[in-house]
mmCIF file of all heavy atoms, coordinates in Angstrom:
data_MODEL
# 
_entry.id   MODEL 
# 
loop_
_atom_site.group_PDB 
_atom_site.id 
_atom_site.type_symbol 
_atom_site.label_atom_id 
_atom_site.label_alt_id 
_atom_site.label_comp_id 
_atom_site.label_asym_id 
_atom_site.label_entity_id 
_atom_site.label_seq_id 
_atom_site.pdbx_PDB_ins_code 
_atom_site.Cartn_x 
_atom_site.Cartn_y 
_atom_site.Cartn_z 
_atom_site.occupancy 
_atom_site.B_iso_or_equiv 
_atom_site.pdbx_formal_charge 
_atom_site.auth_seq_id 
_atom_site.auth_comp_id 
_atom_site.auth_asym_id 
_atom_site.auth_atom_id 
_atom_site.pdbx_PDB_model_num 
ATOM 1   N N   . ILE A 1 1  ? 82.265 114.444 228.607 1.00 0.00 ? 1  ILE A N   1 
ATOM 2   C CA  . ILE A 1 1  ? 80.923 114.218 227.844 1.00 0.00 ? 1  ILE A CA  1 
ATOM 3   C C   . ILE A 1 1  ? 81.280 113.651 226.606 1.00 0.00 ? 1  ILE A C   1 
ATOM 4   O O   . ILE A 1 1  ? 82.157 114.040 225.886 1.00 0.00 ? 1  ILE A O   1 
ATOM 5   C CB  . ILE A 1 1  ? 80.253 115.651 227.607 1.00 0.00 ? 1  ILE A CB  1 
ATOM 6   C CG1 . ILE A 1 1  ? 78.928 115.424 226.944 1.00 0.00 ? 1  ILE A CG1 1 
ATOM 7   C CG2 . ILE A 1 1  ? 81.133 116.748 226.989 1.00 0.00 ? 1  ILE A CG2 1 
ATOM 8   C CD1 . ILE A 1 1  ? 77.990 116.760 226.948 1.00 0.00 ? 1  ILE A CD1 1 
ATOM 9   N N   . THR A 1 2  ? 80.617 112.553 226.335 1.00 0.00 ? 2  THR A N   1 
ATOM 10  C CA  . THR A 1 2  ? 80.889 111.726 225.113 1.00 0.00 ? 2  THR A CA  1 
ATOM 11  C C   . THR A 1 2  ? 80.250 112.346 223.903 1.00 0.00 ? 2  THR A C   1 
ATOM 12  O O   . THR A 1 2  ? 79.586 113.318 224.004 1.00 0.00 ? 2  THR A O   1 
ATOM 13  C CB  . THR A 1 2  ? 80.451 110.306 225.243 1.00 0.00 ? 2  THR A CB  1 
ATOM 14  O OG1 . THR A 1 2  ? 79.016 110.290 225.208 1.00 0.00 ? 2  THR A OG1 1 
ATOM 15  C CG2 . THR A 1 2  ? 80.957 109.531 226.564 1.00 0.00 ? 2  THR A CG2 1 
ATOM 16  N N   . SER A 1 3  ? 80.648 111.818 222.730 1.00 0.00 ? 3  SER A N   1 
ATOM 17  C CA  . SER A 1 3  ? 80.144 112.318 221.516 1.00 0.00 ? 3  SER A CA  1 
ATOM 18  C C   . SER A 1 3  ? 78.666 112.084 221.482 1.00 0.00 ? 3  SER A C   1 
ATOM 19  O O   . SER A 1 3  ? 77.922 112.901 220.825 1.00 0.00 ? 3  SER A O   1 
ATOM 20  C CB  . SER A 1 3  ? 80.783 111.658 220.303 1.00 0.00 ? 3  SER A CB  1 
ATOM 21  O OG  . SER A 1 3  ? 80.625 110.242 220.440 1.00 0.00 ? 3  SER A OG  1 
ATOM 22  N N   . GLY A 1 4  ? 78.147 111.057 222.284 1.00 0.00 ? 4  GLY A N   1 
ATOM 23  C CA  . GLY A 1 4  ? 76.704 110.819 222.307 1.00 0.00 ? 4  GLY A CA  1 
ATOM 24  C C   . GLY A 1 4  ? 76.084 111.557 223.460 1.00 0.00 ? 4  GLY A C   1 
ATOM 25  O O   . GLY A 1 4  ? 74.826 111.398 223.689 1.00 0.00 ? 4  GLY A O   1 
ATOM 26  N N   . GLY A 1 5  ? 76.725 112.375 224.175 1.00 0.00 ? 5  GLY A N   1 
ATOM 27  C CA  . GLY A 1 5  ? 76.092 113.179 225.389 1.00 0.00 ? 5  GLY A CA  1 
ATOM 28  C C   . GLY A 1 5  ? 76.060 112.498 226.748 1.00 0.00 ? 5  GLY A C   1 
ATOM 29  O O   . GLY A 1 5  ? 75.446 113.008 227.617 1.00 0.00 ? 5  GLY A O   1 
ATOM 30  N N   . ILE A 1 6  ? 76.777 111.306 226.780 1.00 0.00 ? 6  ILE A N   1 
ATOM 31  C CA  . ILE A 1 6  ? 76.899 110.800 228.182 1.00 0.00 ? 6  ILE A CA  1 
ATOM 32  C C   . ILE A 1 6  ? 77.881 111.595 228.948 1.00 0.00 ? 6  ILE A C   1 
ATOM 33  O O   . ILE A 1 6  ? 78.978 111.849 228.583 1.00 0.00 ? 6  ILE A O   1 
ATOM 34  C CB  . ILE A 1 6  ? 77.261 109.237 228.060 1.00 0.00 ? 6  ILE A CB  1 
ATOM 35  C CG1 . ILE A 1 6  ? 76.201 108.514 227.259 1.00 0.00 ? 6  ILE A CG1 1 
ATOM 36  C CG2 . ILE A 1 6  ? 77.460 108.651 229.418 1.00 0.00 ? 6  ILE A CG2 1 
ATOM 37  C CD1 . ILE A 1 6  ? 76.605 107.080 226.938 1.00 0.00 ? 6  ILE A CD1 1 
ATOM 38  N N   . ILE A 1 7  ? 77.463 111.916 230.276 1.00 0.00 ? 7  ILE A N   1 
ATOM 39  C CA  . ILE A 1 7  ? 78.238 112.704 231.134 1.00 0.00 ? 7  ILE A CA  1 
ATOM 40  C C   . ILE A 1 7  ? 78.700 112.090 232.301 1.00 0.00 ? 7  ILE A C   1 
ATOM 41  O O   . ILE A 1 7  ? 78.073 111.178 233.001 1.00 0.00 ? 7  ILE A O   1 
ATOM 42  C CB  . ILE A 1 7  ? 77.400 114.059 231.494 1.00 0.00 ? 7  ILE A CB  1 
ATOM 43  C CG1 . ILE A 1 7  ? 77.195 114.837 230.332 1.00 0.00 ? 7  ILE A CG1 1 
ATOM 44  C CG2 . ILE A 1 7  ? 78.047 114.737 232.665 1.00 0.00 ? 7  ILE A CG2 1 
ATOM 45  C CD1 . ILE A 1 7  ? 76.214 115.910 230.478 1.00 0.00 ? 7  ILE A CD1 1 
ATOM 46  N N   . ASP A 1 8  ? 79.842 112.420 232.789 1.00 0.00 ? 8  ASP A N   1 
ATOM 47  C CA  . ASP A 1 8  ? 80.483 111.889 234.149 1.00 0.00 ? 8  ASP A CA  1 
ATOM 48  C C   . ASP A 1 8  ? 81.273 112.936 234.768 1.00 0.00 ? 8  ASP A C   1 
ATOM 49  O O   . ASP A 1 8  ? 81.764 113.802 234.067 1.00 0.00 ? 8  ASP A O   1 
ATOM 50  C CB  . ASP A 1 8  ? 81.364 110.652 233.792 1.00 0.00 ? 8  ASP A CB  1 
ATOM 51  C CG  . ASP A 1 8  ? 81.621 109.847 235.078 1.00 0.00 ? 8  ASP A CG  1 
ATOM 52  O OD1 . ASP A 1 8  ? 80.815 109.990 236.040 1.00 0.00 ? 8  ASP A OD1 1 
ATOM 53  O OD2 . ASP A 1 8  ? 82.600 109.193 235.088 1.00 0.00 ? 8  ASP A OD2 1 
ATOM 54  N N   . TYR A 1 9  ? 81.198 112.883 236.144 1.00 0.00 ? 9  TYR A N   1 
ATOM 55  C CA  . TYR A 1 9  ? 81.970 113.872 236.876 1.00 0.00 ? 9  TYR A CA  1 
ATOM 56  C C   . TYR A 1 9  ? 82.751 113.215 237.998 1.00 0.00 ? 9  TYR A C   1 
ATOM 57  O O   . TYR A 1 9  ? 82.417 112.138 238.543 1.00 0.00 ? 9  TYR A O   1 
ATOM 58  C CB  . TYR A 1 9  ? 81.004 114.884 237.606 1.00 0.00 ? 9  TYR A CB  1 
ATOM 59  C CG  . TYR A 1 9  ? 80.072 115.605 236.727 1.00 0.00 ? 9  TYR A CG  1 
ATOM 60  C CD1 . TYR A 1 9  ? 78.839 115.258 236.467 1.00 0.00 ? 9  TYR A CD1 1 
ATOM 61  C CD2 . TYR A 1 9  ? 80.500 116.858 236.174 1.00 0.00 ? 9  TYR A CD2 1 
ATOM 62  C CE1 . TYR A 1 9  ? 77.875 116.021 235.637 1.00 0.00 ? 9  TYR A CE1 1 
ATOM 63  C CE2 . TYR A 1 9  ? 79.684 117.599 235.410 1.00 0.00 ? 9  TYR A CE2 1 
ATOM 64  C CZ  . TYR A 1 9  ? 78.394 117.176 235.112 1.00 0.00 ? 9  TYR A CZ  1 
ATOM 65  O OH  . TYR A 1 9  ? 77.590 117.936 234.260 1.00 0.00 ? 9  TYR A OH  1 
ATOM 66  N N   . THR A 1 10 ? 83.865 113.851 238.389 1.00 0.00 ? 10 THR A N   1 
ATOM 67  C CA  . THR A 1 10 ? 84.621 113.339 239.521 1.00 0.00 ? 10 THR A CA  1 
ATOM 68  C C   . THR A 1 10 ? 83.760 113.731 240.750 1.00 0.00 ? 10 THR A C   1 
ATOM 69  O O   . THR A 1 10 ? 82.966 114.806 240.714 1.00 0.00 ? 10 THR A O   1 
ATOM 70  C CB  . THR A 1 10 ? 86.071 113.930 239.708 1.00 0.00 ? 10 THR A CB  1 
ATOM 71  O OG1 . THR A 1 10 ? 86.789 113.254 240.614 1.00 0.00 ? 10 THR A OG1 1 
ATOM 72  C CG2 . THR A 1 10 ? 85.891 115.464 239.992 1.00 0.00 ? 10 THR A CG2 1 
ATOM 73  N N   . ASP A 1 11 ? 83.796 112.946 241.843 1.00 0.00 ? 11 ASP A N   1 
ATOM 74  C CA  . ASP A 1 11 ? 82.870 113.163 242.933 1.00 0.00 ? 11 ASP A CA  1 
ATOM 75  C C   . ASP A 1 11 ? 82.976 114.497 243.614 1.00 0.00 ? 11 ASP A C   1 
ATOM 76  O O   . ASP A 1 11 ? 82.008 115.056 243.993 1.00 0.00 ? 11 ASP A O   1 
ATOM 77  C CB  . ASP A 1 11 ? 83.206 112.120 244.007 1.00 0.00 ? 11 ASP A CB  1 
ATOM 78  C CG  . ASP A 1 11 ? 82.776 110.655 243.663 1.00 0.00 ? 11 ASP A CG  1 
ATOM 79  O OD1 . ASP A 1 11 ? 81.964 110.559 242.763 1.00 0.00 ? 11 ASP A OD1 1 
ATOM 80  O OD2 . ASP A 1 11 ? 83.225 109.723 244.280 1.00 0.00 ? 11 ASP A OD2 1 
ATOM 81  N N   . SER A 1 12 ? 84.121 115.164 243.593 1.00 0.00 ? 12 SER A N   1 
ATOM 82  C CA  . SER A 1 12 ? 84.380 116.355 244.268 1.00 0.00 ? 12 SER A CA  1 
ATOM 83  C C   . SER A 1 12 ? 83.572 117.634 243.596 1.00 0.00 ? 12 SER A C   1 
ATOM 84  O O   . SER A 1 12 ? 83.476 118.573 244.315 1.00 0.00 ? 12 SER A O   1 
ATOM 85  C CB  . SER A 1 12 ? 85.832 116.737 244.384 1.00 0.00 ? 12 SER A CB  1 
ATOM 86  O OG  . SER A 1 12 ? 86.367 116.889 243.159 1.00 0.00 ? 12 SER A OG  1 
ATOM 87  N N   . VAL A 1 13 ? 83.177 117.448 242.440 1.00 0.00 ? 13 VAL A N   1 
ATOM 88  C CA  . VAL A 1 13 ? 82.509 118.529 241.724 1.00 0.00 ? 13 VAL A CA  1 
ATOM 89  C C   . VAL A 1 13 ? 80.986 118.293 241.390 1.00 0.00 ? 13 VAL A C   1 
ATOM 90  O O   . VAL A 1 13 ? 80.283 119.046 240.853 1.00 0.00 ? 13 VAL A O   1 
ATOM 91  C CB  . VAL A 1 13 ? 83.231 118.934 240.422 1.00 0.00 ? 13 VAL A CB  1 
ATOM 92  C CG1 . VAL A 1 13 ? 84.752 119.184 240.639 1.00 0.00 ? 13 VAL A CG1 1 
ATOM 93  C CG2 . VAL A 1 13 ? 82.977 117.899 239.413 1.00 0.00 ? 13 VAL A CG2 1 
ATOM 94  N N   . LYS A 1 14 ? 80.532 117.070 241.779 1.00 0.00 ? 14 LYS A N   1 
ATOM 95  C CA  . LYS A 1 14 ? 79.157 116.584 241.448 1.00 0.00 ? 14 LYS A CA  1 
ATOM 96  C C   . LYS A 1 14 ? 78.234 117.571 242.234 1.00 0.00 ? 14 LYS A C   1 
ATOM 97  O O   . LYS A 1 14 ? 78.456 117.878 243.370 1.00 0.00 ? 14 LYS A O   1 
ATOM 98  C CB  . LYS A 1 14 ? 78.860 115.206 241.839 1.00 0.00 ? 14 LYS A CB  1 
ATOM 99  C CG  . LYS A 1 14 ? 79.529 114.172 240.960 1.00 0.00 ? 14 LYS A CG  1 
ATOM 100 C CD  . LYS A 1 14 ? 79.192 112.746 241.374 1.00 0.00 ? 14 LYS A CD  1 
ATOM 101 C CE  . LYS A 1 14 ? 79.786 111.773 240.376 1.00 0.00 ? 14 LYS A CE  1 
ATOM 102 N NZ  . LYS A 1 14 ? 79.560 110.429 240.818 1.00 0.00 ? 14 LYS A NZ  1 
ATOM 103 N N   . GLY A 1 15 ? 77.190 118.083 241.488 1.00 0.00 ? 15 GLY A N   1 
ATOM 104 C CA  . GLY A 1 15 ? 76.283 118.991 242.094 1.00 0.00 ? 15 GLY A CA  1 
ATOM 105 C C   . GLY A 1 15 ? 76.732 120.402 242.034 1.00 0.00 ? 15 GLY A C   1 
ATOM 106 O O   . GLY A 1 15 ? 75.903 121.310 242.271 1.00 0.00 ? 15 GLY A O   1 
ATOM 107 N N   . ARG A 1 16 ? 77.982 120.704 241.590 1.00 0.00 ? 16 ARG A N   1 
ATOM 108 C CA  . ARG A 1 16 ? 78.467 122.152 241.520 1.00 0.00 ? 16 ARG A CA  1 
ATOM 109 C C   . ARG A 1 16 ? 78.845 122.518 240.108 1.00 0.00 ? 16 ARG A C   1 
ATOM 110 O O   . ARG A 1 16 ? 78.714 123.561 239.660 1.00 0.00 ? 16 ARG A O   1 
ATOM 111 C CB  . ARG A 1 16 ? 79.649 122.273 242.467 1.00 0.00 ? 16 ARG A CB  1 
ATOM 112 C CG  . ARG A 1 16 ? 79.367 121.993 243.931 1.00 0.00 ? 16 ARG A CG  1 
ATOM 113 C CD  . ARG A 1 16 ? 80.574 122.425 244.734 1.00 0.00 ? 16 ARG A CD  1 
ATOM 114 N NE  . ARG A 1 16 ? 81.780 121.653 244.465 1.00 0.00 ? 16 ARG A NE  1 
ATOM 115 C CZ  . ARG A 1 16 ? 82.895 122.222 244.145 1.00 0.00 ? 16 ARG A CZ  1 
ATOM 116 N NH1 . ARG A 1 16 ? 83.009 123.508 244.004 1.00 0.00 ? 16 ARG A NH1 1 
ATOM 117 N NH2 . ARG A 1 16 ? 84.032 121.512 243.881 1.00 0.00 ? 16 ARG A NH2 1 
ATOM 118 N N   . PHE A 1 17 ? 79.350 121.526 239.312 1.00 0.00 ? 17 PHE A N   1 
ATOM 119 C CA  . PHE A 1 17 ? 79.816 121.752 237.959 1.00 0.00 ? 17 PHE A CA  1 
ATOM 120 C C   . PHE A 1 17 ? 78.896 121.131 236.978 1.00 0.00 ? 17 PHE A C   1 
ATOM 121 O O   . PHE A 1 17 ? 78.352 120.067 237.262 1.00 0.00 ? 17 PHE A O   1 
ATOM 122 C CB  . PHE A 1 17 ? 81.258 121.221 237.766 1.00 0.00 ? 17 PHE A CB  1 
ATOM 123 C CG  . PHE A 1 17 ? 82.420 121.929 238.609 1.00 0.00 ? 17 PHE A CG  1 
ATOM 124 C CD1 . PHE A 1 17 ? 82.141 122.891 239.470 1.00 0.00 ? 17 PHE A CD1 1 
ATOM 125 C CD2 . PHE A 1 17 ? 83.572 121.689 238.269 1.00 0.00 ? 17 PHE A CD2 1 
ATOM 126 C CE1 . PHE A 1 17 ? 83.104 123.518 240.219 1.00 0.00 ? 17 PHE A CE1 1 
ATOM 127 C CE2 . PHE A 1 17 ? 84.751 122.306 238.937 1.00 0.00 ? 17 PHE A CE2 1 
ATOM 128 C CZ  . PHE A 1 17 ? 84.457 123.256 239.959 1.00 0.00 ? 17 PHE A CZ  1 
ATOM 129 N N   . THR A 1 18 ? 78.828 121.718 235.844 1.00 0.00 ? 18 THR A N   1 
ATOM 130 C CA  . THR A 1 18 ? 78.010 121.101 234.717 1.00 0.00 ? 18 THR A CA  1 
ATOM 131 C C   . THR A 1 18 ? 78.709 121.242 233.428 1.00 0.00 ? 18 THR A C   1 
ATOM 132 O O   . THR A 1 18 ? 79.185 122.371 233.041 1.00 0.00 ? 18 THR A O   1 
ATOM 133 C CB  . THR A 1 18 ? 76.664 121.873 234.547 1.00 0.00 ? 18 THR A CB  1 
ATOM 134 O OG1 . THR A 1 18 ? 75.909 121.868 235.702 1.00 0.00 ? 18 THR A OG1 1 
ATOM 135 C CG2 . THR A 1 18 ? 75.840 121.209 233.420 1.00 0.00 ? 18 THR A CG2 1 
ATOM 136 N N   . ILE A 1 19 ? 79.033 120.066 232.856 1.00 0.00 ? 19 ILE A N   1 
ATOM 137 C CA  . ILE A 1 19 ? 79.651 120.125 231.458 1.00 0.00 ? 19 ILE A CA  1 
ATOM 138 C C   . ILE A 1 19 ? 78.518 120.048 230.403 1.00 0.00 ? 19 ILE A C   1 
ATOM 139 O O   . ILE A 1 19 ? 77.476 119.376 230.566 1.00 0.00 ? 19 ILE A O   1 
ATOM 140 C CB  . ILE A 1 19 ? 80.616 118.924 231.313 1.00 0.00 ? 19 ILE A CB  1 
ATOM 141 C CG1 . ILE A 1 19 ? 81.485 119.109 230.065 1.00 0.00 ? 19 ILE A CG1 1 
ATOM 142 C CG2 . ILE A 1 19 ? 79.923 117.538 231.500 1.00 0.00 ? 19 ILE A CG2 1 
ATOM 143 C CD1 . ILE A 1 19 ? 82.630 117.934 229.997 1.00 0.00 ? 19 ILE A CD1 1 
ATOM 144 N N   . SER A 1 20 ? 78.803 120.727 229.303 1.00 0.00 ? 20 SER A N   1 
ATOM 145 C CA  . SER A 1 20 ? 77.913 120.622 228.153 1.00 0.00 ? 20 SER A CA  1 
ATOM 146 C C   . SER A 1 20 ? 78.718 120.935 226.830 1.00 0.00 ? 20 SER A C   1 
ATOM 147 O O   . SER A 1 20 ? 79.852 121.398 226.927 1.00 0.00 ? 20 SER A O   1 
ATOM 148 C CB  . SER A 1 20 ? 76.845 121.706 228.310 1.00 0.00 ? 20 SER A CB  1 
ATOM 149 O OG  . SER A 1 20 ? 77.265 122.993 228.307 1.00 0.00 ? 20 SER A OG  1 
ATOM 150 N N   . ARG A 1 21 ? 78.112 120.581 225.751 1.00 0.00 ? 21 ARG A N   1 
ATOM 151 C CA  . ARG A 1 21 ? 78.681 120.790 224.435 1.00 0.00 ? 21 ARG A CA  1 
ATOM 152 C C   . ARG A 1 21 ? 77.770 121.325 223.500 1.00 0.00 ? 21 ARG A C   1 
ATOM 153 O O   . ARG A 1 21 ? 76.490 121.047 223.550 1.00 0.00 ? 21 ARG A O   1 
ATOM 154 C CB  . ARG A 1 21 ? 79.317 119.580 223.932 1.00 0.00 ? 21 ARG A CB  1 
ATOM 155 C CG  . ARG A 1 21 ? 78.356 118.444 223.611 1.00 0.00 ? 21 ARG A CG  1 
ATOM 156 C CD  . ARG A 1 21 ? 79.189 117.184 223.468 1.00 0.00 ? 21 ARG A CD  1 
ATOM 157 N NE  . ARG A 1 21 ? 79.953 117.310 222.137 1.00 0.00 ? 21 ARG A NE  1 
ATOM 158 C CZ  . ARG A 1 21 ? 80.956 116.410 221.830 1.00 0.00 ? 21 ARG A CZ  1 
ATOM 159 N NH1 . ARG A 1 21 ? 81.259 115.433 222.656 1.00 0.00 ? 21 ARG A NH1 1 
ATOM 160 N NH2 . ARG A 1 21 ? 81.659 116.518 220.695 1.00 0.00 ? 21 ARG A NH2 1 
ATOM 161 N N   . ASP A 1 22 ? 78.264 122.181 222.599 1.00 0.00 ? 22 ASP A N   1 
ATOM 162 C CA  . ASP A 1 22 ? 77.420 122.822 221.475 1.00 0.00 ? 22 ASP A CA  1 
ATOM 163 C C   . ASP A 1 22 ? 78.170 122.345 220.174 1.00 0.00 ? 22 ASP A C   1 
ATOM 164 O O   . ASP A 1 22 ? 79.098 122.941 219.791 1.00 0.00 ? 22 ASP A O   1 
ATOM 165 C CB  . ASP A 1 22 ? 77.396 124.349 221.659 1.00 0.00 ? 22 ASP A CB  1 
ATOM 166 C CG  . ASP A 1 22 ? 76.496 124.954 220.568 1.00 0.00 ? 22 ASP A CG  1 
ATOM 167 O OD1 . ASP A 1 22 ? 76.266 124.323 219.530 1.00 0.00 ? 22 ASP A OD1 1 
ATOM 168 O OD2 . ASP A 1 22 ? 76.048 126.122 220.773 1.00 0.00 ? 22 ASP A OD2 1 
ATOM 169 N N   . ASN A 1 23 ? 77.538 121.278 219.658 1.00 0.00 ? 23 ASN A N   1 
ATOM 170 C CA  . ASN A 1 23 ? 78.239 120.754 218.441 1.00 0.00 ? 23 ASN A CA  1 
ATOM 171 C C   . ASN A 1 23 ? 78.206 121.650 217.197 1.00 0.00 ? 23 ASN A C   1 
ATOM 172 O O   . ASN A 1 23 ? 79.063 121.576 216.299 1.00 0.00 ? 23 ASN A O   1 
ATOM 173 C CB  . ASN A 1 23 ? 77.597 119.408 218.017 1.00 0.00 ? 23 ASN A CB  1 
ATOM 174 C CG  . ASN A 1 23 ? 77.869 118.268 219.075 1.00 0.00 ? 23 ASN A CG  1 
ATOM 175 O OD1 . ASN A 1 23 ? 78.965 118.413 219.721 1.00 0.00 ? 23 ASN A OD1 1 
ATOM 176 N ND2 . ASN A 1 23 ? 77.008 117.293 219.081 1.00 0.00 ? 23 ASN A ND2 1 
ATOM 177 N N   . ALA A 1 24 ? 77.260 122.559 217.210 1.00 0.00 ? 24 ALA A N   1 
ATOM 178 C CA  . ALA A 1 24 ? 77.099 123.530 216.110 1.00 0.00 ? 24 ALA A CA  1 
ATOM 179 C C   . ALA A 1 24 ? 78.248 124.570 216.196 1.00 0.00 ? 24 ALA A C   1 
ATOM 180 O O   . ALA A 1 24 ? 78.725 125.117 215.176 1.00 0.00 ? 24 ALA A O   1 
ATOM 181 C CB  . ALA A 1 24 ? 75.754 124.177 216.132 1.00 0.00 ? 24 ALA A CB  1 
ATOM 182 N N   . LYS A 1 25 ? 78.849 124.797 217.380 1.00 0.00 ? 25 LYS A N   1 
ATOM 183 C CA  . LYS A 1 25 ? 79.869 125.801 217.619 1.00 0.00 ? 25 LYS A CA  1 
ATOM 184 C C   . LYS A 1 25 ? 81.209 125.153 217.927 1.00 0.00 ? 25 LYS A C   1 
ATOM 185 O O   . LYS A 1 25 ? 82.197 125.812 218.266 1.00 0.00 ? 25 LYS A O   1 
ATOM 186 C CB  . LYS A 1 25 ? 79.444 126.796 218.739 1.00 0.00 ? 25 LYS A CB  1 
ATOM 187 C CG  . LYS A 1 25 ? 78.253 127.594 218.398 1.00 0.00 ? 25 LYS A CG  1 
ATOM 188 C CD  . LYS A 1 25 ? 77.840 128.547 219.571 1.00 0.00 ? 25 LYS A CD  1 
ATOM 189 C CE  . LYS A 1 25 ? 76.737 129.426 219.238 1.00 0.00 ? 25 LYS A CE  1 
ATOM 190 N NZ  . LYS A 1 25 ? 76.295 130.340 220.275 1.00 0.00 ? 25 LYS A NZ  1 
# 
């Protein structure tokens, strides 16, 4: 996940894993 919030996944985890970030924490 980029500093601007753009997300990418490897194919094997797409639809199963979710990356997110909390900049305040």
